[in-house]
Amino acid sequence: MRWKTLLAMAVALVLIISWTATREGKSIPAYDKANEMIMMRNIGHQLLLHVGDSTSRVLPVQQTGEHEYVLRFASPFTFVPDSLVKAIDRVVKKHRLPPTYLVEVITCLNDDVVFGYSIFKDSTNNIVPCRGRAQVMGCYKIKLQFPATAEAAVPDYFLPGSLAAICLSLLVRFLYKKRNNTHSGGASIAFATAPAPATATTDPDPEPTLEVPANFIPLGRYRFYTGRQQLQFDQETIPLTAKESKLLQVFAASPNVVIDRDRLLKEVWEDEGVITGRSLDMFVSKLRKRLQLDAGISIINVHGKGYKLAIDDSK
C-alpha cells in the first residue's frame, strides 16, 4: 500500500537528518589526525598569504593536546588584533571546524601571551579584548584550542516527536480516504482530464542592448579598469590581483606626487591581520612589471619617503 511506503520513507528521512545534525554537534569533524594537522597548517598559510607573503615558511604544526595546536612561523610579523580574528575565523568556517575555540598569540622568546580571545557558537558570548591595538614586529606563535566535547545539536525529544507526528498525520490521511471510499459504495471512478490546450505566447522582440564601456582611469597609454581589476594596453588585457589594483588606485589618485610609505600601507593593508615589511616593496615590483609596456610610466622609489607614480605623456 502506498501509505506504508510513504511512512517508511518519512522515517528514513528523519533518521538521516537526526544523525547528520548530531554529527555536526561534535567538536572535531571525523577526519584522521593527518587532515586535522593540514587544516591547522592552512590557517597559518592563509594568514601569510593574506598580506601577499608567499615566501615565508609555516613551520611544522605542533599538537600539544587532544585538540590543541601551535602554529609557528619562520619570519617575524606584526598584526592588528581585529584583523587577525577575522582572518582565522574565515578559515575555521571554511573548513567547518567547531564554532567554539580559543586563540592565544605567544612570543617565541619567553612564551608570554601578548593577545588572546575566545569565540563561541553564540557570538554574543565572544571575548575579544585589545581591539585596535597593533602589536610590534616580532616572532610569534599562534595557539588554537578546540573543545574536546560538545552537546549534540539535536534535542533528545526531536526524533521520537518527529516520528509520532509523521505516524499520526499518515494515519489520519489513511482513515479519511477509507471513509470516503465507504460512502461512495466502495467503488471509485477515475475521470481522465484532457490537458489544457497550450497557449501560444509570442515574446516581443527583445530590446537591443547597448554595450556601455566600463569606467577607466587613463594612465599614459594604459586604461585602468578599477571595477574589473585589469589594465588595457592597446589590444592586450593585463589582469591585476586585488592588492595590485588597490595599490594602483592610490597611485593613480595622485600621479607625479611622492606618497609616503606609511600612507600606502594604511590604505592598502589597513584591514589585514598580518603585515610584513616587504609586502609593499613586493607589490610595487609587480606593478612595475605590469606597467613596463609604456616607457612614459614608472614607479620611482624616493629614499626615506615613499614612492611616486611618474607619468610622462611626451614619451
Protein backbone atom coordinates (compact mmCIF):
# COMPACT_ATOMS: atom_id res chain seq x y z
CA MET A 1 0.00 0.00 0.00
CA ARG A 2 1.20 3.47 -0.79
CA TRP A 3 0.80 4.87 2.73
CA LYS A 4 3.19 2.26 4.08
CA THR A 5 5.81 3.29 1.54
CA LEU A 6 5.38 6.94 2.48
CA LEU A 7 5.72 6.09 6.15
CA ALA A 8 8.94 4.14 5.58
CA MET A 9 10.43 6.98 3.53
CA ALA A 10 9.48 9.56 6.17
CA VAL A 11 11.04 7.53 8.97
CA ALA A 12 14.26 7.06 6.98
CA LEU A 13 14.42 10.79 6.25
CA VAL A 14 14.02 11.71 9.92
CA LEU A 15 16.74 9.25 10.92
CA ILE A 16 19.18 10.65 8.34
CA ILE A 17 18.51 14.26 9.34
CA SER A 18 18.86 13.48 13.04
CA TRP A 19 22.10 11.56 12.56
CA THR A 20 23.59 14.31 10.38
CA ALA A 21 22.66 17.08 12.82
CA THR A 22 24.06 15.10 15.73
CA ARG A 23 27.34 14.56 13.90
CA GLU A 24 27.64 18.30 13.28
CA GLY A 25 27.41 18.89 17.03
CA LYS A 26 30.69 17.09 17.70
CA SER A 27 33.81 19.07 18.45
CA ILE A 28 36.04 17.91 15.58
CA PRO A 29 34.91 16.52 12.16
CA ALA A 30 35.54 12.84 11.54
CA TYR A 31 38.86 13.34 9.80
CA ASP A 32 42.01 11.50 10.68
CA LYS A 33 44.81 13.24 12.54
CA ALA A 34 46.71 13.99 9.33
CA ASN A 35 43.81 16.03 7.95
CA GLU A 36 43.43 17.90 11.23
CA MET A 37 47.09 18.93 11.05
CA ILE A 38 46.67 20.02 7.42
CA MET A 39 43.71 22.23 8.36
CA MET A 40 45.72 23.84 11.16
CA ARG A 41 48.66 24.42 8.82
CA ASN A 42 46.34 26.02 6.28
CA ILE A 43 45.34 28.61 8.88
CA GLY A 44 48.96 29.75 9.15
CA HIS A 45 49.37 29.58 5.37
CA GLN A 46 46.32 31.78 4.77
CA LEU A 47 47.47 34.32 7.37
CA LEU A 48 50.70 34.91 5.44
CA LEU A 49 49.04 34.85 2.01
CA HIS A 50 46.53 37.40 3.27
CA VAL A 51 49.21 40.11 3.03
CA GLY A 52 50.98 38.76 -0.02
CA ASP A 53 53.77 36.91 1.81
CA SER A 54 54.15 33.78 -0.29
CA THR A 55 57.80 33.07 0.54
CA SER A 56 57.99 32.80 4.33
CA ARG A 57 57.63 29.25 5.65
CA VAL A 58 54.98 27.98 8.01
CA LEU A 59 56.92 25.71 10.36
CA PRO A 60 55.58 22.24 11.27
CA VAL A 61 52.44 22.43 13.39
CA GLN A 62 52.81 21.20 16.96
CA GLN A 63 49.94 19.30 18.58
CA THR A 64 50.20 19.97 22.31
CA GLY A 65 46.90 18.38 23.33
CA GLU A 66 43.99 16.31 22.03
CA HIS A 67 42.52 19.29 20.18
CA GLU A 68 45.24 21.87 20.84
CA TYR A 69 47.64 23.12 18.16
CA VAL A 70 50.53 25.61 17.95
CA LEU A 71 51.33 27.39 14.66
CA ARG A 72 54.90 28.65 14.20
CA PHE A 73 56.36 30.92 11.51
CA ALA A 74 59.85 31.27 10.06
CA SER A 75 59.73 35.08 9.79
CA PRO A 76 58.69 37.77 12.30
CA PHE A 77 55.50 39.70 11.66
CA THR A 78 53.17 42.26 13.18
CA PHE A 79 49.40 42.07 13.45
CA VAL A 80 46.25 44.03 14.27
CA PRO A 81 44.04 42.01 16.69
CA ASP A 82 40.74 42.81 14.96
CA SER A 83 42.00 41.68 11.57
CA LEU A 84 43.73 38.59 12.97
CA VAL A 85 40.40 37.49 14.49
CA LYS A 86 38.63 37.88 11.14
CA ALA A 87 41.35 36.05 9.20
CA ILE A 88 41.33 32.99 11.49
CA ASP A 89 37.52 32.94 11.69
CA ARG A 90 37.23 32.78 7.89
CA VAL A 91 39.46 29.69 7.71
CA VAL A 92 37.69 27.99 10.64
CA LYS A 93 34.29 28.46 8.99
CA LYS A 94 35.58 27.36 5.58
CA HIS A 95 36.81 24.03 6.99
CA ARG A 96 33.69 23.63 9.20
CA LEU A 97 35.75 23.41 12.33
CA PRO A 98 33.96 23.71 15.71
CA PRO A 99 32.42 27.18 16.21
CA THR A 100 33.82 27.38 19.74
CA TYR A 101 37.57 27.83 20.11
CA LEU A 102 40.32 29.70 21.96
CA VAL A 103 43.24 31.56 20.32
CA GLU A 104 46.43 32.82 22.01
CA VAL A 105 49.31 34.72 20.39
CA ILE A 106 52.54 33.89 22.23
CA THR A 107 56.04 35.35 21.95
CA CYS A 108 58.73 32.92 20.80
CA LEU A 109 61.31 34.25 23.26
CA ASN A 110 59.63 33.70 26.63
CA ASP A 111 56.14 32.31 25.82
CA ASP A 112 54.34 35.44 27.04
CA VAL A 113 50.72 35.74 25.86
CA VAL A 114 50.50 39.12 24.09
CA PHE A 115 46.97 38.62 22.78
CA GLY A 116 44.19 36.09 23.21
CA TYR A 117 40.47 35.72 22.64
CA SER A 118 37.58 33.22 22.85
CA ILE A 119 34.95 32.55 20.19
CA PHE A 120 31.65 30.81 20.97
CA LYS A 121 28.79 29.40 18.90
CA ASP A 122 26.66 32.20 20.35
CA SER A 123 28.62 35.24 19.18
CA THR A 124 27.20 37.38 21.99
CA ASN A 125 29.47 35.47 24.37
CA ASN A 126 32.65 36.16 22.37
CA ILE A 127 35.56 37.62 24.35
CA VAL A 128 37.93 39.68 22.16
CA PRO A 129 40.00 42.20 24.20
CA CYS A 130 42.60 44.71 22.99
CA ARG A 131 40.79 45.63 19.79
CA GLY A 132 42.63 48.11 17.59
CA ARG A 133 45.96 47.77 19.43
CA ALA A 134 48.56 46.90 16.79
CA GLN A 135 51.39 44.67 18.02
CA VAL A 136 55.06 45.34 17.33
CA MET A 137 57.08 43.34 14.81
CA GLY A 138 58.33 40.14 16.40
CA CYS A 139 58.42 36.36 16.44
CA TYR A 140 55.03 34.97 17.46
CA LYS A 141 53.35 31.60 17.82
CA ILE A 142 49.59 31.11 17.50
CA LYS A 143 47.92 28.56 19.75
CA LEU A 144 44.44 27.25 18.85
CA GLN A 145 42.38 25.12 21.21
CA PHE A 146 39.05 23.46 20.38
CA PRO A 147 36.67 21.85 22.90
CA ALA A 148 37.06 18.11 23.40
CA THR A 149 33.31 17.50 23.56
CA ALA A 150 30.11 19.33 22.74
CA GLU A 151 26.43 18.70 23.23
CA ALA A 152 24.51 17.22 20.36
CA ALA A 153 22.84 19.79 18.13
CA VAL A 154 19.51 17.89 18.21
CA PRO A 155 17.40 17.72 21.40
CA ASP A 156 16.67 14.25 22.80
CA TYR A 157 12.97 14.63 22.13
CA PHE A 158 13.41 15.57 18.45
CA LEU A 159 13.49 12.06 16.99
CA PRO A 160 10.53 10.45 18.85
CA GLY A 161 8.47 13.61 18.46
CA SER A 162 9.07 13.70 14.71
CA LEU A 163 8.20 10.02 14.31
CA ALA A 164 4.96 10.44 16.29
CA ALA A 165 3.90 13.45 14.21
CA ILE A 166 4.55 11.63 10.92
CA CYS A 167 2.72 8.48 12.01
CA LEU A 168 -0.28 10.48 13.22
CA SER A 169 -0.57 12.51 10.01
CA LEU A 170 -0.35 9.40 7.80
CA LEU A 171 -2.93 7.56 9.94
CA VAL A 172 -5.42 10.44 9.73
CA ARG A 173 -4.97 10.62 5.96
CA PHE A 174 -5.50 6.86 5.59
CA LEU A 175 -8.72 6.86 7.70
CA TYR A 176 -10.06 9.86 5.80
CA LYS A 177 -9.55 8.19 2.41
CA LYS A 178 -11.09 4.93 3.70
CA ARG A 179 -14.19 6.78 4.91
CA ASN A 180 -14.68 8.49 1.55
CA ASN A 181 -14.44 5.16 -0.28
CA THR A 182 -17.08 3.63 2.05
CA HIS A 183 -19.58 6.46 1.43
CA SER A 184 -19.23 6.06 -2.33
CA GLY A 185 -20.16 2.33 -2.17
CA GLY A 186 -16.64 1.10 -2.30
CA ALA A 187 -16.35 1.98 -5.96
CA SER A 188 -14.18 4.65 -7.28
CA ILE A 189 -14.29 6.14 -10.74
CA ALA A 190 -11.29 7.77 -12.26
CA PHE A 191 -12.01 10.63 -14.61
CA ALA A 192 -9.47 11.48 -17.24
CA THR A 193 -8.93 15.15 -17.66
CA ALA A 194 -7.97 16.42 -21.03
CA PRO A 195 -4.86 18.52 -20.91
CA ALA A 196 -5.46 22.19 -21.30
CA PRO A 197 -4.51 23.47 -24.72
CA ALA A 198 -1.17 25.08 -24.78
CA THR A 199 -1.36 28.80 -25.08
CA ALA A 200 0.90 30.09 -27.75
CA THR A 201 2.84 33.03 -26.49
CA THR A 202 4.87 35.23 -28.63
CA ASP A 203 7.56 37.12 -26.85
CA PRO A 204 8.04 40.64 -28.10
CA ASP A 205 11.25 41.33 -29.89
CA PRO A 206 13.91 41.84 -27.26
CA GLU A 207 15.17 45.34 -26.99
CA PRO A 208 18.69 45.75 -28.30
CA THR A 209 21.23 46.04 -25.53
CA LEU A 210 23.87 48.68 -25.78
CA GLU A 211 27.33 47.83 -24.59
CA VAL A 212 28.35 50.57 -22.18
CA PRO A 213 32.08 50.88 -21.75
CA ALA A 214 33.25 50.40 -18.19
CA ASN A 215 34.75 53.38 -16.37
CA PHE A 216 38.50 53.53 -16.51
CA ILE A 217 41.39 55.73 -15.39
CA PRO A 218 43.83 56.78 -18.14
CA LEU A 219 47.46 56.16 -17.19
CA GLY A 220 49.64 57.15 -20.13
CA ARG A 221 48.81 54.64 -22.88
CA TYR A 222 47.14 52.32 -20.36
CA ARG A 223 43.49 52.16 -19.38
CA PHE A 224 42.99 51.12 -15.76
CA TYR A 225 39.60 49.45 -15.19
CA THR A 226 39.18 49.52 -11.42
CA GLY A 227 35.96 47.51 -11.37
CA ARG A 228 37.43 44.71 -13.49
CA GLN A 229 40.83 44.88 -11.75
CA GLN A 230 42.70 44.96 -15.06
CA LEU A 231 44.88 47.11 -17.28
CA GLN A 232 44.33 47.56 -21.03
CA PHE A 233 47.29 48.36 -23.29
CA ASP A 234 46.16 48.61 -26.93
CA GLN A 235 44.62 45.14 -27.50
CA GLU A 236 46.37 43.45 -24.58
CA THR A 237 44.50 42.86 -21.31
CA ILE A 238 46.58 42.57 -18.13
CA PRO A 239 44.75 41.15 -15.06
CA LEU A 240 45.58 42.51 -11.61
CA THR A 241 45.22 40.97 -8.17
CA ALA A 242 43.03 42.69 -5.58
CA LYS A 243 46.08 44.11 -3.76
CA GLU A 244 47.72 45.29 -7.02
CA SER A 245 44.50 47.02 -8.07
CA LYS A 246 44.06 48.70 -4.68
CA LEU A 247 47.67 49.91 -4.63
CA LEU A 248 47.46 51.23 -8.20
CA GLN A 249 44.29 53.17 -7.34
CA VAL A 250 46.21 55.02 -4.61
CA PHE A 251 48.99 55.88 -7.07
CA ALA A 252 46.52 56.87 -9.82
CA ALA A 253 44.75 59.28 -7.46
CA SER A 254 48.00 61.27 -7.02
CA PRO A 255 50.18 60.92 -10.14
CA ASN A 256 53.66 62.51 -10.07
CA VAL A 257 53.35 63.00 -6.30
CA VAL A 258 55.50 61.28 -3.67
CA ILE A 259 53.25 59.12 -1.48
CA ASP A 260 54.52 58.24 1.98
CA ARG A 261 55.14 54.54 2.72
CA ASP A 262 53.00 54.69 5.85
CA ARG A 263 50.07 56.05 3.88
CA LEU A 264 50.36 53.28 1.29
CA LEU A 265 50.48 50.61 4.00
CA LYS A 266 47.50 52.15 5.79
CA GLU A 267 45.26 52.50 2.72
CA VAL A 268 46.06 49.10 1.18
CA TRP A 269 46.70 46.89 4.21
CA GLU A 270 44.64 48.66 6.90
CA ASP A 271 42.21 45.74 7.31
CA GLU A 272 44.81 42.97 7.21
CA GLY A 273 45.70 40.91 10.24
CA VAL A 274 49.38 40.30 9.47
CA ILE A 275 51.70 42.94 7.95
CA THR A 276 55.23 42.19 6.77
CA GLY A 277 57.77 44.87 5.97
CA ARG A 278 58.42 43.59 2.48
CA SER A 279 54.79 43.38 1.32
CA LEU A 280 54.71 46.93 -0.09
CA ASP A 281 58.03 46.57 -1.95
CA MET A 282 56.93 43.25 -3.43
CA PHE A 283 53.66 44.64 -4.82
CA VAL A 284 55.38 47.77 -6.16
CA SER A 285 57.78 45.47 -8.04
CA LYS A 286 54.81 43.58 -9.51
CA LEU A 287 53.15 46.82 -10.64
CA ARG A 288 56.37 47.93 -12.35
CA LYS A 289 56.28 44.78 -14.47
CA ARG A 290 52.62 45.39 -15.35
CA LEU A 291 53.40 48.96 -16.49
CA GLN A 292 56.64 48.30 -18.39
CA LEU A 293 54.94 48.38 -21.83
CA ASP A 294 54.68 52.20 -21.63
CA ALA A 295 58.08 53.89 -21.44
CA GLY A 296 56.42 57.05 -20.12
CA ILE A 297 55.27 55.41 -16.88
CA SER A 298 57.45 54.40 -13.96
CA ILE A 299 57.19 53.93 -10.20
CA ILE A 300 60.10 55.75 -8.55
CA ASN A 301 61.42 54.92 -5.09
CA VAL A 302 62.13 58.12 -3.15
CA HIS A 303 64.59 57.02 -0.47
CA GLY A 304 63.38 57.59 3.07
CA LYS A 305 59.95 58.82 1.96
CA GLY A 306 57.95 56.52 -0.28
CA TYR A 307 57.04 56.00 -3.92
CA LYS A 308 55.89 58.16 -6.83
CA LEU A 309 53.95 57.15 -9.95
CA ALA A 310 55.73 59.20 -12.63
CA ILE A 311 53.78 59.72 -15.87
CA ASP A 312 55.44 61.46 -18.84
CA ASP A 313 52.90 61.82 -21.66
CA SER A 314 55.57 63.10 -24.06
CA LYS A 315 57.14 59.64 -24.49
